[in-house]
């Protein structure tokens, strides 16, 4: 969301930082137009935005430097893990509104996947964003969840699409992909 903030607050000046803070404090109530602008910004990690990708990698490197290899209380060493189990729901319930347009209490991102709705440029762009963060920072695991519509993976051509996504992810040192294929019905 930092790139979306930069774009909407500082570059386009569609809202001030104070307005953004007020909107989040009020859980976007009365600020739905601003919320839609933040949700629709393509300047998010998951849409293969180069700046967002660089920022995500830098944040991950800082986190890894702070945590990875440090001794734990059981005689082992800490390592980062991208797996969050159900914490994307639990932590979402405990977290207020966020600058990407997310409402208080809504789920957070699952595993190493981007925030819900951020992957607006398709599955290939999603995989490229994930691979912009070096998976080696996550020695525990680096699972990516991908939601696809059944029409995009139907038949032999669709199987080829899924295979290409998996091969691209693994060629970039990605560890695990989990697919959900469903439609509204």
N, C-alpha and C. Protein backbone atom coordinates (compact mmCIF):
# COMPACT_ATOMS: atom_id res chain seq x y z
N UNK A 1 0.82 -1.19 0.00
CA UNK A 1 0.00 0.00 0.00
C UNK A 1 0.86 1.26 0.00
N UNK A 2 2.15 1.13 0.33
CA UNK A 2 2.98 2.34 0.38
C UNK A 2 3.09 3.02 -0.97
N UNK A 3 3.17 2.23 -2.03
CA UNK A 3 3.25 2.83 -3.36
C UNK A 3 1.92 3.49 -3.73
N UNK A 4 0.81 2.91 -3.31
CA UNK A 4 -0.51 3.51 -3.55
C UNK A 4 -0.62 4.83 -2.78
N UNK A 5 -0.10 4.87 -1.56
CA UNK A 5 -0.10 6.11 -0.78
C UNK A 5 0.73 7.17 -1.50
N UNK A 6 1.91 6.77 -1.96
CA UNK A 6 2.77 7.72 -2.68
C UNK A 6 2.04 8.27 -3.90
N UNK A 7 1.40 7.37 -4.65
CA UNK A 7 0.71 7.78 -5.87
C UNK A 7 -0.46 8.72 -5.56
N UNK A 8 -1.34 8.31 -4.67
CA UNK A 8 -2.60 9.02 -4.46
C UNK A 8 -2.45 10.23 -3.55
N UNK A 9 -1.62 10.12 -2.52
CA UNK A 9 -1.46 11.23 -1.58
C UNK A 9 -0.42 12.23 -2.08
N UNK A 10 0.75 11.75 -2.49
CA UNK A 10 1.85 12.67 -2.78
C UNK A 10 1.96 13.06 -4.26
N UNK A 11 1.69 12.13 -5.18
CA UNK A 11 1.85 12.46 -6.60
C UNK A 11 0.58 13.08 -7.18
N UNK A 12 -0.56 12.41 -7.01
CA UNK A 12 -1.83 12.92 -7.56
C UNK A 12 -2.52 13.92 -6.64
N UNK A 13 -2.15 13.90 -5.37
CA UNK A 13 -2.73 14.78 -4.36
C UNK A 13 -4.26 14.70 -4.33
N UNK A 14 -4.76 13.46 -4.43
CA UNK A 14 -6.21 13.22 -4.38
C UNK A 14 -6.74 13.25 -2.95
N UNK A 15 -5.85 13.10 -1.98
CA UNK A 15 -6.20 13.23 -0.57
C UNK A 15 -4.92 13.57 0.18
N UNK A 16 -5.07 14.15 1.34
CA UNK A 16 -3.90 14.43 2.17
C UNK A 16 -3.64 13.22 3.06
N UNK A 17 -2.47 13.18 3.64
CA UNK A 17 -2.14 12.11 4.57
C UNK A 17 -3.08 12.16 5.79
N UNK A 18 -3.43 13.38 6.20
CA UNK A 18 -4.36 13.53 7.32
C UNK A 18 -5.74 12.98 6.95
N UNK A 19 -6.19 13.22 5.72
CA UNK A 19 -7.48 12.67 5.28
C UNK A 19 -7.43 11.15 5.24
N UNK A 20 -6.33 10.60 4.78
CA UNK A 20 -6.18 9.15 4.75
C UNK A 20 -6.25 8.59 6.17
N UNK A 21 -5.54 9.23 7.11
CA UNK A 21 -5.58 8.79 8.50
C UNK A 21 -6.97 8.87 9.09
N UNK A 22 -7.68 9.95 8.80
CA UNK A 22 -9.05 10.13 9.31
C UNK A 22 -9.96 9.05 8.72
N UNK A 23 -9.84 8.80 7.43
CA UNK A 23 -10.66 7.77 6.78
C UNK A 23 -10.42 6.40 7.40
N UNK A 24 -9.16 6.07 7.66
CA UNK A 24 -8.85 4.78 8.28
C UNK A 24 -9.38 4.74 9.71
N UNK A 25 -9.21 5.83 10.45
CA UNK A 25 -9.71 5.89 11.83
C UNK A 25 -11.23 5.66 11.87
N UNK A 26 -11.92 6.15 10.84
CA UNK A 26 -13.37 6.00 10.75
C UNK A 26 -13.78 4.77 9.96
N UNK A 27 -12.83 3.86 9.75
CA UNK A 27 -13.07 2.61 9.01
C UNK A 27 -13.69 2.88 7.64
N UNK A 28 -13.25 3.95 7.02
CA UNK A 28 -13.65 4.36 5.68
C UNK A 28 -15.11 4.81 5.58
N UNK A 29 -15.86 4.83 6.68
CA UNK A 29 -17.26 5.28 6.64
C UNK A 29 -17.30 6.78 6.31
N UNK A 30 -18.05 7.10 5.27
CA UNK A 30 -18.12 8.47 4.81
C UNK A 30 -16.98 8.84 3.87
N UNK A 31 -16.07 7.90 3.65
CA UNK A 31 -14.90 8.14 2.79
C UNK A 31 -14.82 7.07 1.70
N UNK A 32 -15.96 6.59 1.26
CA UNK A 32 -16.00 5.46 0.33
C UNK A 32 -15.32 5.76 -1.01
N UNK A 33 -15.41 7.01 -1.47
CA UNK A 33 -14.74 7.38 -2.72
C UNK A 33 -13.23 7.25 -2.57
N UNK A 34 -12.70 7.75 -1.46
CA UNK A 34 -11.26 7.62 -1.21
C UNK A 34 -10.87 6.15 -1.06
N UNK A 35 -11.71 5.38 -0.39
CA UNK A 35 -11.45 3.94 -0.21
C UNK A 35 -11.37 3.25 -1.56
N UNK A 36 -12.31 3.57 -2.47
CA UNK A 36 -12.26 2.95 -3.80
C UNK A 36 -10.98 3.32 -4.54
N UNK A 37 -10.54 4.57 -4.39
CA UNK A 37 -9.29 4.98 -5.04
C UNK A 37 -8.11 4.16 -4.53
N UNK A 38 -8.07 3.95 -3.23
CA UNK A 38 -6.97 3.16 -2.66
C UNK A 38 -7.08 1.70 -3.11
N UNK A 39 -8.27 1.16 -3.12
CA UNK A 39 -8.43 -0.24 -3.54
C UNK A 39 -8.09 -0.43 -5.00
N UNK A 40 -8.38 0.55 -5.83
CA UNK A 40 -8.18 0.41 -7.28
C UNK A 40 -6.76 0.71 -7.74
N UNK A 41 -5.95 1.27 -6.88
CA UNK A 41 -4.58 1.59 -7.29
C UNK A 41 -3.86 0.32 -7.70
N UNK A 42 -3.18 0.39 -8.83
CA UNK A 42 -2.40 -0.75 -9.31
C UNK A 42 -0.97 -0.70 -8.78
N UNK A 43 -0.66 0.28 -7.94
CA UNK A 43 0.68 0.45 -7.38
C UNK A 43 0.83 -0.37 -6.11
N UNK A 44 0.52 -1.65 -6.22
CA UNK A 44 0.59 -2.54 -5.07
C UNK A 44 1.39 -3.78 -5.42
N UNK A 45 1.96 -4.36 -4.37
CA UNK A 45 2.68 -5.62 -4.55
C UNK A 45 1.65 -6.70 -4.90
N UNK A 46 1.92 -7.44 -5.95
CA UNK A 46 0.99 -8.44 -6.45
C UNK A 46 0.57 -8.14 -7.87
N UNK A 47 0.76 -6.87 -8.29
CA UNK A 47 0.42 -6.44 -9.64
C UNK A 47 1.68 -6.26 -10.49
N UNK A 48 2.82 -6.72 -9.99
CA UNK A 48 4.13 -6.62 -10.63
C UNK A 48 4.54 -5.17 -10.89
N UNK A 49 4.24 -4.30 -9.95
CA UNK A 49 4.72 -2.92 -10.00
C UNK A 49 6.18 -2.92 -9.57
N UNK A 50 7.09 -2.44 -10.41
CA UNK A 50 8.52 -2.52 -10.08
C UNK A 50 8.89 -1.85 -8.76
N UNK A 51 8.31 -0.69 -8.47
CA UNK A 51 8.63 0.00 -7.22
C UNK A 51 8.10 -0.77 -6.02
N UNK A 52 6.87 -1.27 -6.11
CA UNK A 52 6.29 -2.06 -5.01
C UNK A 52 7.10 -3.34 -4.81
N UNK A 53 7.55 -3.95 -5.89
CA UNK A 53 8.36 -5.17 -5.79
C UNK A 53 9.69 -4.89 -5.08
N UNK A 54 10.34 -3.79 -5.44
CA UNK A 54 11.62 -3.43 -4.79
C UNK A 54 11.40 -3.17 -3.30
N UNK A 55 10.34 -2.46 -2.98
CA UNK A 55 10.04 -2.15 -1.59
C UNK A 55 9.75 -3.43 -0.79
N UNK A 56 8.98 -4.34 -1.36
CA UNK A 56 8.67 -5.61 -0.68
C UNK A 56 9.95 -6.40 -0.41
N UNK A 57 10.86 -6.42 -1.36
CA UNK A 57 12.12 -7.13 -1.17
C UNK A 57 12.96 -6.45 -0.09
N UNK A 58 12.99 -5.12 -0.08
CA UNK A 58 13.77 -4.39 0.93
C UNK A 58 13.22 -4.63 2.33
N UNK A 59 11.90 -4.60 2.48
CA UNK A 59 11.29 -4.85 3.79
C UNK A 59 11.59 -6.27 4.25
N UNK A 60 11.50 -7.22 3.33
CA UNK A 60 11.78 -8.61 3.68
C UNK A 60 13.24 -8.79 4.10
N UNK A 61 14.14 -8.12 3.41
CA UNK A 61 15.56 -8.21 3.76
C UNK A 61 15.80 -7.64 5.17
N UNK A 62 15.17 -6.52 5.49
CA UNK A 62 15.32 -5.92 6.82
C UNK A 62 14.77 -6.86 7.89
N UNK A 63 13.61 -7.44 7.64
CA UNK A 63 13.01 -8.38 8.58
C UNK A 63 13.90 -9.61 8.76
N UNK A 64 14.41 -10.12 7.67
CA UNK A 64 15.28 -11.29 7.75
C UNK A 64 16.54 -10.98 8.55
N UNK A 65 17.13 -9.83 8.29
CA UNK A 65 18.33 -9.44 9.04
C UNK A 65 18.06 -9.32 10.53
N UNK A 66 16.86 -8.87 10.88
CA UNK A 66 16.51 -8.68 12.30
C UNK A 66 16.18 -9.99 13.01
N UNK A 67 15.70 -10.99 12.28
CA UNK A 67 15.18 -12.20 12.91
C UNK A 67 15.98 -13.46 12.59
N UNK A 68 16.26 -13.67 11.32
CA UNK A 68 16.83 -14.95 10.87
C UNK A 68 18.17 -15.24 11.53
N UNK A 69 18.30 -16.46 12.02
CA UNK A 69 19.54 -16.92 12.61
C UNK A 69 19.72 -16.57 14.08
N UNK A 70 18.82 -15.78 14.62
CA UNK A 70 18.91 -15.43 16.04
C UNK A 70 18.51 -16.65 16.87
N UNK A 71 19.16 -16.86 18.01
CA UNK A 71 18.84 -18.04 18.84
C UNK A 71 17.44 -17.94 19.44
N UNK A 72 16.76 -19.08 19.50
CA UNK A 72 15.47 -19.11 20.18
C UNK A 72 15.62 -19.79 21.53
N UNK A 73 14.55 -19.88 22.28
CA UNK A 73 14.62 -20.40 23.66
C UNK A 73 14.78 -21.91 23.73
N UNK A 74 14.72 -22.61 22.62
CA UNK A 74 14.84 -24.07 22.63
C UNK A 74 16.19 -24.55 22.08
N UNK A 75 17.13 -23.64 21.94
CA UNK A 75 18.45 -24.03 21.46
C UNK A 75 18.58 -24.01 19.95
N UNK A 76 17.53 -23.64 19.25
CA UNK A 76 17.58 -23.56 17.79
C UNK A 76 17.76 -22.13 17.33
N UNK A 77 17.50 -21.90 16.07
CA UNK A 77 17.62 -20.58 15.48
C UNK A 77 16.31 -20.23 14.77
N UNK A 78 15.97 -18.94 14.81
CA UNK A 78 14.79 -18.48 14.12
C UNK A 78 15.04 -18.41 12.62
N UNK A 79 14.01 -18.67 11.85
CA UNK A 79 14.02 -18.51 10.40
C UNK A 79 12.64 -18.01 9.99
N UNK A 80 12.59 -17.21 8.95
CA UNK A 80 11.31 -16.70 8.50
C UNK A 80 10.50 -17.79 7.82
N UNK A 81 9.20 -17.70 7.99
CA UNK A 81 8.26 -18.59 7.34
C UNK A 81 7.17 -17.74 6.73
N UNK A 82 6.79 -18.04 5.50
CA UNK A 82 5.72 -17.30 4.85
C UNK A 82 4.35 -17.89 5.13
N UNK A 83 4.31 -19.03 5.81
CA UNK A 83 3.03 -19.70 6.09
C UNK A 83 2.38 -19.06 7.31
N UNK A 84 1.11 -18.71 7.17
CA UNK A 84 0.44 -18.02 8.28
C UNK A 84 -0.72 -18.82 8.86
N UNK A 85 -0.98 -20.02 8.35
CA UNK A 85 -2.13 -20.82 8.81
C UNK A 85 -3.38 -19.95 8.75
N UNK A 86 -4.13 -19.88 9.84
CA UNK A 86 -5.36 -19.07 9.85
C UNK A 86 -5.12 -17.66 10.39
N UNK A 87 -3.88 -17.28 10.59
CA UNK A 87 -3.59 -15.98 11.17
C UNK A 87 -4.04 -14.82 10.27
N UNK A 88 -4.18 -15.06 8.97
CA UNK A 88 -4.66 -13.99 8.10
C UNK A 88 -6.09 -13.60 8.47
N UNK A 89 -6.84 -14.52 9.05
CA UNK A 89 -8.20 -14.23 9.53
C UNK A 89 -8.15 -13.66 10.94
N UNK A 90 -7.41 -14.35 11.83
CA UNK A 90 -7.33 -13.93 13.23
C UNK A 90 -6.74 -12.52 13.35
N UNK A 91 -5.61 -12.28 12.70
CA UNK A 91 -4.98 -10.96 12.78
C UNK A 91 -5.82 -9.91 12.07
N UNK A 92 -6.50 -10.30 11.01
CA UNK A 92 -7.39 -9.36 10.33
C UNK A 92 -8.49 -8.85 11.25
N UNK A 93 -9.04 -9.76 12.05
CA UNK A 93 -10.10 -9.35 13.00
C UNK A 93 -9.57 -8.37 14.04
N UNK A 94 -8.29 -8.43 14.35
CA UNK A 94 -7.69 -7.59 15.38
C UNK A 94 -7.09 -6.29 14.84
N UNK A 95 -7.10 -6.13 13.51
CA UNK A 95 -6.42 -5.00 12.89
C UNK A 95 -7.43 -3.99 12.35
N UNK A 96 -7.16 -2.72 12.60
CA UNK A 96 -8.00 -1.65 12.09
C UNK A 96 -7.89 -1.52 10.58
N UNK A 97 -8.59 -0.55 10.04
CA UNK A 97 -8.56 -0.28 8.60
C UNK A 97 -7.12 0.03 8.18
N UNK A 98 -6.78 -0.33 6.97
CA UNK A 98 -5.43 -0.11 6.46
C UNK A 98 -5.46 0.77 5.21
N UNK A 99 -4.33 1.38 4.85
CA UNK A 99 -4.32 2.36 3.76
C UNK A 99 -4.58 1.77 2.37
N UNK A 100 -4.61 0.47 2.24
CA UNK A 100 -4.92 -0.11 0.92
C UNK A 100 -6.42 -0.16 0.65
N UNK A 101 -7.22 0.34 1.60
CA UNK A 101 -8.67 0.34 1.45
C UNK A 101 -9.36 -0.78 2.22
N UNK A 102 -8.59 -1.58 2.91
CA UNK A 102 -9.14 -2.69 3.69
C UNK A 102 -9.88 -2.14 4.91
N UNK A 103 -11.04 -2.71 5.19
CA UNK A 103 -11.81 -2.31 6.37
C UNK A 103 -11.28 -3.01 7.61
N UNK A 104 -11.53 -2.41 8.76
CA UNK A 104 -11.18 -3.03 10.04
C UNK A 104 -11.87 -4.39 10.13
N UNK A 105 -11.11 -5.37 10.58
CA UNK A 105 -11.67 -6.71 10.78
C UNK A 105 -11.61 -7.61 9.57
N UNK A 106 -11.41 -7.05 8.38
CA UNK A 106 -11.32 -7.90 7.18
C UNK A 106 -10.02 -8.70 7.20
N UNK A 107 -10.01 -9.79 6.47
CA UNK A 107 -8.82 -10.64 6.45
C UNK A 107 -7.62 -9.90 5.88
N UNK A 108 -6.44 -10.38 6.29
CA UNK A 108 -5.17 -9.86 5.80
C UNK A 108 -4.72 -10.74 4.63
N UNK A 109 -3.50 -10.54 4.17
CA UNK A 109 -2.98 -11.39 3.11
C UNK A 109 -2.70 -12.78 3.67
N UNK A 110 -2.87 -13.78 2.82
CA UNK A 110 -2.69 -15.17 3.21
C UNK A 110 -1.32 -15.66 2.74
N UNK A 111 -0.59 -16.27 3.66
CA UNK A 111 0.74 -16.78 3.37
C UNK A 111 1.60 -15.66 2.79
N UNK A 112 2.31 -15.88 1.69
CA UNK A 112 3.10 -14.79 1.12
C UNK A 112 2.36 -14.10 -0.02
N UNK A 113 1.09 -14.41 -0.17
CA UNK A 113 0.28 -13.79 -1.22
C UNK A 113 0.05 -12.32 -0.88
N UNK A 114 -0.20 -11.49 -1.90
CA UNK A 114 -0.49 -10.09 -1.62
C UNK A 114 -1.85 -9.93 -0.96
N UNK A 115 -2.14 -8.71 -0.53
CA UNK A 115 -3.43 -8.41 0.09
C UNK A 115 -4.56 -8.74 -0.89
N UNK A 116 -5.69 -9.19 -0.38
CA UNK A 116 -6.82 -9.51 -1.26
C UNK A 116 -7.15 -8.34 -2.19
N UNK A 117 -7.26 -8.64 -3.46
CA UNK A 117 -7.59 -7.64 -4.47
C UNK A 117 -6.41 -6.91 -5.06
N UNK A 118 -5.20 -7.13 -4.56
CA UNK A 118 -4.02 -6.42 -5.07
C UNK A 118 -3.48 -7.02 -6.35
N UNK A 119 -3.79 -8.28 -6.61
CA UNK A 119 -3.25 -8.96 -7.79
C UNK A 119 -4.15 -8.72 -9.00
N UNK A 120 -4.23 -7.46 -9.43
CA UNK A 120 -5.16 -7.04 -10.48
C UNK A 120 -4.65 -7.29 -11.89
N UNK A 121 -3.41 -7.67 -12.05
CA UNK A 121 -2.83 -7.79 -13.38
C UNK A 121 -2.67 -9.23 -13.86
N UNK A 122 -3.31 -10.16 -13.16
CA UNK A 122 -3.29 -11.55 -13.60
C UNK A 122 -2.28 -12.39 -12.85
N UNK A 123 -2.39 -13.70 -13.10
CA UNK A 123 -1.59 -14.67 -12.36
C UNK A 123 -0.10 -14.57 -12.67
N UNK A 124 0.26 -14.26 -13.91
CA UNK A 124 1.68 -14.14 -14.25
C UNK A 124 2.31 -12.97 -13.51
N UNK A 125 1.62 -11.83 -13.47
CA UNK A 125 2.12 -10.67 -12.73
C UNK A 125 2.22 -10.99 -11.25
N UNK A 126 1.25 -11.74 -10.74
CA UNK A 126 1.29 -12.15 -9.33
C UNK A 126 2.55 -12.96 -9.05
N UNK A 127 2.83 -13.95 -9.88
CA UNK A 127 4.02 -14.78 -9.69
C UNK A 127 5.28 -13.93 -9.79
N UNK A 128 5.34 -13.02 -10.74
CA UNK A 128 6.52 -12.16 -10.87
C UNK A 128 6.71 -11.28 -9.64
N UNK A 129 5.62 -10.77 -9.07
CA UNK A 129 5.75 -9.99 -7.84
C UNK A 129 6.32 -10.85 -6.72
N UNK A 130 5.78 -12.06 -6.58
CA UNK A 130 6.27 -12.94 -5.51
C UNK A 130 7.74 -13.24 -5.68
N UNK A 131 8.16 -13.44 -6.91
CA UNK A 131 9.56 -13.78 -7.14
C UNK A 131 10.49 -12.56 -7.05
N UNK A 132 9.91 -11.36 -6.95
CA UNK A 132 10.75 -10.18 -6.75
C UNK A 132 11.32 -10.16 -5.34
N UNK A 133 10.69 -10.90 -4.43
CA UNK A 133 11.20 -11.08 -3.08
C UNK A 133 11.96 -12.39 -3.08
N UNK A 134 13.21 -12.35 -2.69
CA UNK A 134 14.02 -13.55 -2.73
C UNK A 134 13.45 -14.61 -1.77
N UNK A 135 12.95 -15.73 -2.31
CA UNK A 135 12.38 -16.77 -1.46
C UNK A 135 13.39 -17.36 -0.46
N UNK A 136 14.68 -17.16 -0.71
CA UNK A 136 15.69 -17.68 0.21
C UNK A 136 15.65 -16.98 1.56
N UNK A 137 14.97 -15.82 1.64
CA UNK A 137 14.77 -15.17 2.93
C UNK A 137 13.82 -15.98 3.82
N UNK A 138 13.07 -16.89 3.21
CA UNK A 138 12.06 -17.68 3.92
C UNK A 138 12.46 -19.16 3.95
N UNK A 139 13.41 -19.54 4.78
CA UNK A 139 13.83 -20.95 4.78
C UNK A 139 12.76 -21.90 5.29
N UNK A 140 11.80 -21.39 6.07
CA UNK A 140 10.71 -22.25 6.57
C UNK A 140 9.80 -22.68 5.45
N UNK A 141 9.27 -21.75 4.73
CA UNK A 141 8.44 -22.02 3.56
C UNK A 141 8.03 -20.70 2.92
N UNK A 142 7.55 -20.79 1.70
CA UNK A 142 7.21 -19.62 0.90
C UNK A 142 5.99 -19.96 0.05
N UNK A 143 4.82 -20.22 0.68
CA UNK A 143 3.66 -20.66 -0.08
C UNK A 143 2.86 -19.52 -0.71
N UNK A 144 2.56 -19.67 -1.97
CA UNK A 144 1.76 -18.71 -2.72
C UNK A 144 0.38 -19.32 -2.97
N UNK A 145 -0.66 -18.57 -2.65
CA UNK A 145 -2.03 -18.98 -2.94
C UNK A 145 -2.50 -18.24 -4.19
N UNK A 146 -3.00 -18.99 -5.16
CA UNK A 146 -3.45 -18.41 -6.42
C UNK A 146 -4.90 -18.80 -6.64
N UNK A 147 -5.76 -17.80 -6.83
CA UNK A 147 -7.16 -18.05 -7.14
C UNK A 147 -7.36 -17.85 -8.65
N UNK A 148 -7.93 -18.86 -9.29
CA UNK A 148 -8.17 -18.80 -10.73
C UNK A 148 -9.63 -19.12 -11.03
N UNK A 149 -10.14 -18.49 -12.06
CA UNK A 149 -11.50 -18.80 -12.53
C UNK A 149 -11.42 -20.09 -13.36
N UNK A 150 -12.41 -20.97 -13.25
CA UNK A 150 -12.38 -22.24 -14.00
C UNK A 150 -12.17 -22.05 -15.50
N UNK A 151 -12.71 -20.99 -16.07
CA UNK A 151 -12.56 -20.79 -17.52
C UNK A 151 -11.11 -20.56 -17.93
N UNK A 152 -10.28 -20.03 -17.01
CA UNK A 152 -8.89 -19.74 -17.36
C UNK A 152 -8.00 -20.98 -17.34
N UNK A 153 -8.50 -22.06 -16.76
CA UNK A 153 -7.68 -23.27 -16.67
C UNK A 153 -8.40 -24.50 -17.23
N UNK A 154 -9.40 -24.27 -18.05
CA UNK A 154 -10.17 -25.38 -18.62
C UNK A 154 -9.42 -26.06 -19.75
N UNK A 155 -9.55 -27.35 -19.84
CA UNK A 155 -9.00 -28.13 -20.94
C UNK A 155 -7.49 -28.20 -20.95
N UNK A 156 -6.97 -28.69 -22.07
CA UNK A 156 -5.52 -28.84 -22.22
C UNK A 156 -4.80 -27.49 -22.16
N UNK A 157 -5.41 -26.48 -22.79
CA UNK A 157 -4.79 -25.15 -22.77
C UNK A 157 -4.70 -24.63 -21.33
N UNK A 158 -5.75 -24.83 -20.57
CA UNK A 158 -5.77 -24.39 -19.18
C UNK A 158 -4.75 -25.12 -18.33
N UNK A 159 -4.60 -26.42 -18.58
CA UNK A 159 -3.59 -27.19 -17.87
C UNK A 159 -2.20 -26.65 -18.18
N UNK A 160 -2.00 -26.25 -19.43
CA UNK A 160 -0.73 -25.65 -19.83
C UNK A 160 -0.48 -24.33 -19.10
N UNK A 161 -1.54 -23.55 -18.89
CA UNK A 161 -1.42 -22.29 -18.16
C UNK A 161 -0.97 -22.56 -16.72
N UNK A 162 -1.62 -23.52 -16.07
CA UNK A 162 -1.24 -23.85 -14.69
C UNK A 162 0.19 -24.36 -14.63
N UNK A 163 0.54 -25.20 -15.57
CA UNK A 163 1.90 -25.74 -15.60
C UNK A 163 2.93 -24.63 -15.77
N UNK A 164 2.65 -23.69 -16.69
CA UNK A 164 3.58 -22.58 -16.92
C UNK A 164 3.74 -21.73 -15.66
N UNK A 165 2.65 -21.50 -14.94
CA UNK A 165 2.74 -20.74 -13.69
C UNK A 165 3.62 -21.46 -12.66
N UNK A 166 3.39 -22.76 -12.51
CA UNK A 166 4.18 -23.55 -11.55
C UNK A 166 5.64 -23.57 -11.95
N UNK A 167 5.92 -23.79 -13.24
CA UNK A 167 7.31 -23.85 -13.69
C UNK A 167 8.01 -22.51 -13.52
N UNK A 168 7.31 -21.41 -13.80
CA UNK A 168 7.90 -20.08 -13.61
C UNK A 168 8.21 -19.84 -12.14
N UNK A 169 7.27 -20.19 -11.28
CA UNK A 169 7.46 -19.99 -9.85
C UNK A 169 8.64 -20.81 -9.34
N UNK A 170 8.71 -22.07 -9.71
CA UNK A 170 9.80 -22.92 -9.23
C UNK A 170 11.15 -22.54 -9.85
N UNK A 171 11.14 -22.08 -11.10
CA UNK A 171 12.39 -21.64 -11.73
C UNK A 171 12.96 -20.42 -10.99
N UNK A 172 12.10 -19.63 -10.35
CA UNK A 172 12.55 -18.46 -9.59
C UNK A 172 12.79 -18.77 -8.13
N UNK A 173 12.91 -20.04 -7.77
CA UNK A 173 13.15 -20.52 -6.40
C UNK A 173 11.91 -20.49 -5.52
N UNK A 174 10.73 -20.28 -6.10
CA UNK A 174 9.50 -20.38 -5.33
C UNK A 174 9.35 -21.80 -4.82
N UNK A 175 8.74 -21.97 -3.67
CA UNK A 175 8.69 -23.28 -3.03
C UNK A 175 7.37 -24.00 -3.20
N UNK A 176 6.25 -23.30 -3.06
CA UNK A 176 4.97 -24.00 -3.04
C UNK A 176 3.88 -23.09 -3.59
N UNK A 177 3.03 -23.64 -4.48
CA UNK A 177 1.85 -22.92 -4.97
C UNK A 177 0.62 -23.72 -4.60
N UNK A 178 -0.39 -23.01 -4.14
CA UNK A 178 -1.67 -23.64 -3.82
C UNK A 178 -2.72 -22.97 -4.69
N UNK A 179 -3.44 -23.75 -5.46
CA UNK A 179 -4.45 -23.22 -6.37
C UNK A 179 -5.85 -23.38 -5.79
N UNK A 180 -6.66 -22.36 -5.96
CA UNK A 180 -8.09 -22.42 -5.73
C UNK A 180 -8.74 -22.06 -7.05
N UNK A 181 -9.51 -22.99 -7.59
CA UNK A 181 -10.18 -22.77 -8.87
C UNK A 181 -11.67 -22.80 -8.60
N UNK A 182 -12.32 -21.65 -8.74
CA UNK A 182 -13.75 -21.57 -8.44
C UNK A 182 -14.39 -20.37 -9.11
N UNK A 183 -15.69 -20.38 -9.19
CA UNK A 183 -16.46 -19.23 -9.67
C UNK A 183 -17.54 -18.92 -8.64
N UNK A 184 -18.38 -17.95 -8.95
CA UNK A 184 -19.39 -17.51 -7.99
C UNK A 184 -20.36 -18.62 -7.61
N UNK A 185 -20.65 -19.51 -8.52
CA UNK A 185 -21.56 -20.61 -8.21
C UNK A 185 -20.89 -21.63 -7.32
